[in-house]
Amino acid sequence: MTERGRQLLEEKIKASGLKKEYLLQQMHLKSMTSFSNKLSGTTEFTAGEIAALADSLRLSRKEVHDIFLADRVASESPSNGNNED
């Protein structure tokens, strides 16, 4: 996740009015430290955690992409224009 992705996620959390403790439960995380590590980029979000956040925060597909995937997709450009290996 890029710094911009982290900022967008923090903005969406704040705008939602949901408490981080609630989101932690939705993602099945055991501690606020685990959640904080993910928000800071120390550890990565799993697909299930991303899905839980997307559902809880009502994120659009574009928002999910912009928050969680923009850095990965931009750095992975296929050499021949298709996704086949």
N, C-alpha and C. Protein backbone atom coordinates (compact mmCIF):
# COMPACT_ATOMS: atom_id res chain seq x y z
N MET A 1 0.85 -1.17 0.00
CA MET A 1 0.00 0.00 0.00
C MET A 1 0.90 1.23 0.00
N THR A 2 0.55 2.17 -0.84
CA THR A 2 1.31 3.42 -0.90
C THR A 2 0.91 4.35 0.24
N GLU A 3 1.70 5.38 0.41
CA GLU A 3 1.36 6.40 1.42
C GLU A 3 0.01 7.02 1.08
N ARG A 4 -0.24 7.25 -0.20
CA ARG A 4 -1.54 7.81 -0.62
C ARG A 4 -2.66 6.84 -0.28
N GLY A 5 -2.43 5.55 -0.47
CA GLY A 5 -3.42 4.54 -0.11
C GLY A 5 -3.74 4.57 1.37
N ARG A 6 -2.69 4.70 2.19
CA ARG A 6 -2.90 4.79 3.64
C ARG A 6 -3.73 6.02 4.00
N GLN A 7 -3.42 7.15 3.36
CA GLN A 7 -4.17 8.37 3.62
C GLN A 7 -5.64 8.21 3.23
N LEU A 8 -5.87 7.62 2.05
CA LEU A 8 -7.25 7.41 1.60
C LEU A 8 -8.01 6.51 2.57
N LEU A 9 -7.36 5.44 3.03
CA LEU A 9 -8.02 4.53 3.97
C LEU A 9 -8.35 5.23 5.28
N GLU A 10 -7.41 5.98 5.80
CA GLU A 10 -7.66 6.72 7.05
C GLU A 10 -8.83 7.70 6.87
N GLU A 11 -8.87 8.37 5.70
CA GLU A 11 -9.97 9.30 5.43
C GLU A 11 -11.31 8.57 5.37
N LYS A 12 -11.33 7.40 4.72
CA LYS A 12 -12.58 6.62 4.62
C LYS A 12 -13.03 6.13 5.99
N ILE A 13 -12.08 5.71 6.82
CA ILE A 13 -12.42 5.26 8.17
C ILE A 13 -13.02 6.42 8.95
N LYS A 14 -12.37 7.56 8.91
CA LYS A 14 -12.86 8.73 9.64
C LYS A 14 -14.24 9.14 9.15
N ALA A 15 -14.42 9.20 7.83
CA ALA A 15 -15.69 9.63 7.25
C ALA A 15 -16.83 8.65 7.57
N SER A 16 -16.49 7.38 7.74
CA SER A 16 -17.52 6.37 8.02
C SER A 16 -18.13 6.52 9.40
N GLY A 17 -17.36 7.08 10.33
CA GLY A 17 -17.82 7.19 11.71
C GLY A 17 -17.67 5.89 12.49
N LEU A 18 -17.14 4.86 11.84
CA LEU A 18 -16.94 3.58 12.51
C LEU A 18 -15.68 3.62 13.36
N LYS A 19 -15.71 2.95 14.47
CA LYS A 19 -14.54 2.87 15.33
C LYS A 19 -13.59 1.81 14.80
N LYS A 20 -12.30 2.05 14.98
CA LYS A 20 -11.30 1.08 14.53
C LYS A 20 -11.47 -0.26 15.22
N GLU A 21 -11.95 -0.26 16.45
CA GLU A 21 -12.19 -1.51 17.18
C GLU A 21 -13.23 -2.37 16.46
N TYR A 22 -14.25 -1.71 15.90
CA TYR A 22 -15.28 -2.42 15.15
C TYR A 22 -14.67 -3.03 13.88
N LEU A 23 -13.87 -2.24 13.18
CA LEU A 23 -13.24 -2.74 11.95
C LEU A 23 -12.29 -3.90 12.26
N LEU A 24 -11.58 -3.80 13.36
CA LEU A 24 -10.69 -4.87 13.81
C LEU A 24 -11.48 -6.17 13.96
N GLN A 25 -12.63 -6.10 14.57
CA GLN A 25 -13.48 -7.28 14.75
C GLN A 25 -13.96 -7.82 13.41
N GLN A 26 -14.34 -6.93 12.50
CA GLN A 26 -14.83 -7.36 11.19
C GLN A 26 -13.74 -8.09 10.40
N MET A 27 -12.49 -7.71 10.62
CA MET A 27 -11.36 -8.33 9.93
C MET A 27 -10.82 -9.55 10.68
N HIS A 28 -11.41 -9.85 11.84
CA HIS A 28 -11.00 -10.99 12.68
C HIS A 28 -9.55 -10.86 13.15
N LEU A 29 -9.14 -9.63 13.44
CA LEU A 29 -7.81 -9.41 14.00
C LEU A 29 -7.90 -9.48 15.51
N LYS A 30 -6.83 -9.93 16.14
CA LYS A 30 -6.85 -10.14 17.59
C LYS A 30 -6.43 -8.93 18.40
N SER A 31 -5.73 -7.98 17.78
CA SER A 31 -5.27 -6.84 18.56
C SER A 31 -5.24 -5.56 17.72
N MET A 32 -5.30 -4.46 18.41
CA MET A 32 -5.20 -3.16 17.74
C MET A 32 -3.80 -3.01 17.16
N THR A 33 -2.80 -3.63 17.78
CA THR A 33 -1.44 -3.57 17.24
C THR A 33 -1.39 -4.18 15.84
N SER A 34 -2.07 -5.30 15.64
CA SER A 34 -2.11 -5.93 14.32
C SER A 34 -2.72 -4.98 13.30
N PHE A 35 -3.81 -4.33 13.68
CA PHE A 35 -4.48 -3.38 12.78
C PHE A 35 -3.57 -2.19 12.50
N SER A 36 -2.95 -1.66 13.53
CA SER A 36 -2.04 -0.52 13.37
C SER A 36 -0.87 -0.87 12.46
N ASN A 37 -0.34 -2.10 12.60
CA ASN A 37 0.76 -2.54 11.73
C ASN A 37 0.34 -2.58 10.27
N LYS A 38 -0.88 -2.96 10.02
CA LYS A 38 -1.40 -3.00 8.65
C LYS A 38 -1.60 -1.58 8.12
N LEU A 39 -2.14 -0.72 8.96
CA LEU A 39 -2.36 0.67 8.54
C LEU A 39 -1.04 1.40 8.27
N SER A 40 -0.01 1.04 9.02
CA SER A 40 1.29 1.71 8.85
C SER A 40 2.12 1.10 7.73
N GLY A 41 1.70 -0.07 7.24
CA GLY A 41 2.45 -0.71 6.17
C GLY A 41 3.49 -1.71 6.66
N THR A 42 3.56 -1.93 7.98
CA THR A 42 4.51 -2.89 8.53
C THR A 42 4.16 -4.30 8.07
N THR A 43 2.87 -4.63 8.05
CA THR A 43 2.39 -5.90 7.52
C THR A 43 1.31 -5.60 6.49
N GLU A 44 1.08 -6.55 5.60
CA GLU A 44 0.11 -6.35 4.53
C GLU A 44 -1.27 -6.86 4.92
N PHE A 45 -2.29 -6.25 4.34
CA PHE A 45 -3.66 -6.72 4.49
C PHE A 45 -3.83 -7.99 3.66
N THR A 46 -4.58 -8.96 4.19
CA THR A 46 -4.92 -10.15 3.42
C THR A 46 -6.13 -9.82 2.54
N ALA A 47 -6.41 -10.70 1.59
CA ALA A 47 -7.58 -10.50 0.72
C ALA A 47 -8.86 -10.47 1.56
N GLY A 48 -8.96 -11.32 2.56
CA GLY A 48 -10.14 -11.35 3.42
C GLY A 48 -10.30 -10.08 4.22
N GLU A 49 -9.19 -9.53 4.69
CA GLU A 49 -9.23 -8.28 5.45
C GLU A 49 -9.65 -7.12 4.55
N ILE A 50 -9.13 -7.12 3.32
CA ILE A 50 -9.51 -6.08 2.37
C ILE A 50 -11.01 -6.17 2.08
N ALA A 51 -11.50 -7.39 1.89
CA ALA A 51 -12.93 -7.58 1.62
C ALA A 51 -13.77 -7.10 2.80
N ALA A 52 -13.34 -7.40 4.02
CA ALA A 52 -14.08 -6.97 5.20
C ALA A 52 -14.11 -5.44 5.31
N LEU A 53 -12.97 -4.81 5.04
CA LEU A 53 -12.93 -3.34 5.08
C LEU A 53 -13.79 -2.74 3.98
N ALA A 54 -13.69 -3.32 2.79
CA ALA A 54 -14.48 -2.81 1.66
C ALA A 54 -15.97 -2.88 1.99
N ASP A 55 -16.39 -3.97 2.60
CA ASP A 55 -17.79 -4.13 2.96
C ASP A 55 -18.18 -3.17 4.08
N SER A 56 -17.39 -3.12 5.13
CA SER A 56 -17.71 -2.27 6.29
C SER A 56 -17.70 -0.79 5.93
N LEU A 57 -16.74 -0.39 5.10
CA LEU A 57 -16.60 1.03 4.74
C LEU A 57 -17.35 1.39 3.46
N ARG A 58 -17.99 0.37 2.85
CA ARG A 58 -18.73 0.56 1.59
C ARG A 58 -17.85 1.19 0.52
N LEU A 59 -16.67 0.59 0.34
CA LEU A 59 -15.72 1.08 -0.66
C LEU A 59 -16.12 0.60 -2.05
N SER A 60 -15.98 1.46 -3.02
CA SER A 60 -16.20 1.08 -4.41
C SER A 60 -14.99 0.27 -4.89
N ARG A 61 -15.14 -0.38 -6.04
CA ARG A 61 -14.01 -1.13 -6.61
C ARG A 61 -12.83 -0.20 -6.87
N LYS A 62 -13.12 0.99 -7.36
CA LYS A 62 -12.06 1.96 -7.62
C LYS A 62 -11.35 2.34 -6.34
N GLU A 63 -12.10 2.55 -5.27
CA GLU A 63 -11.49 2.90 -3.99
C GLU A 63 -10.62 1.76 -3.47
N VAL A 64 -11.10 0.52 -3.60
CA VAL A 64 -10.29 -0.64 -3.18
C VAL A 64 -8.99 -0.66 -3.98
N HIS A 65 -9.10 -0.45 -5.28
CA HIS A 65 -7.91 -0.43 -6.13
C HIS A 65 -6.96 0.69 -5.70
N ASP A 66 -7.50 1.90 -5.56
CA ASP A 66 -6.67 3.05 -5.22
C ASP A 66 -5.99 2.90 -3.87
N ILE A 67 -6.67 2.28 -2.91
CA ILE A 67 -6.12 2.13 -1.57
C ILE A 67 -5.13 0.97 -1.50
N PHE A 68 -5.53 -0.20 -2.00
CA PHE A 68 -4.75 -1.41 -1.75
C PHE A 68 -3.90 -1.90 -2.91
N LEU A 69 -4.26 -1.57 -4.14
CA LEU A 69 -3.61 -2.22 -5.28
C LEU A 69 -2.84 -1.31 -6.21
N ALA A 70 -2.98 -0.02 -6.10
CA ALA A 70 -2.39 0.90 -7.08
C ALA A 70 -0.89 0.68 -7.24
N ASP A 71 -0.17 0.48 -6.15
CA ASP A 71 1.28 0.30 -6.26
C ASP A 71 1.65 -1.02 -6.91
N ARG A 72 0.86 -2.06 -6.68
CA ARG A 72 1.16 -3.37 -7.25
C ARG A 72 0.85 -3.41 -8.74
N VAL A 73 -0.28 -2.89 -9.13
CA VAL A 73 -0.69 -2.93 -10.53
C VAL A 73 0.24 -2.06 -11.37
N ALA A 74 0.63 -0.91 -10.87
CA ALA A 74 1.51 -0.01 -11.61
C ALA A 74 2.89 -0.63 -11.81
N SER A 75 3.35 -1.42 -10.86
CA SER A 75 4.69 -2.00 -10.96
C SER A 75 4.71 -3.31 -11.74
N GLU A 76 3.57 -3.88 -12.04
CA GLU A 76 3.49 -5.14 -12.76
C GLU A 76 2.91 -4.92 -14.15
N SER A 77 3.73 -4.52 -15.09
CA SER A 77 3.24 -4.32 -16.45
C SER A 77 3.74 -5.46 -17.33
N PRO A 78 2.83 -6.18 -17.96
CA PRO A 78 3.24 -7.31 -18.80
C PRO A 78 4.05 -6.83 -19.99
N SER A 79 5.06 -7.61 -20.37
CA SER A 79 5.95 -7.20 -21.45
C SER A 79 5.30 -7.28 -22.82
N ASN A 80 4.32 -8.16 -23.01
CA ASN A 80 3.72 -8.31 -24.33
C ASN A 80 2.26 -7.85 -24.38
N GLY A 81 1.77 -7.21 -23.34
CA GLY A 81 0.44 -6.66 -23.37
C GLY A 81 -0.67 -7.60 -22.95
N ASN A 82 -0.34 -8.86 -22.59
CA ASN A 82 -1.37 -9.75 -22.07
C ASN A 82 -0.95 -10.26 -20.70
N ASN A 83 -1.83 -10.93 -20.02
CA ASN A 83 -1.58 -11.39 -18.67
C ASN A 83 -1.14 -12.83 -18.60
N GLU A 84 -0.82 -13.44 -19.70
CA GLU A 84 -0.40 -14.84 -19.72
C GLU A 84 1.09 -14.94 -19.42
N ASP A 85 1.46 -15.97 -18.70
CA ASP A 85 2.88 -16.22 -18.40
C ASP A 85 3.45 -17.25 -19.31
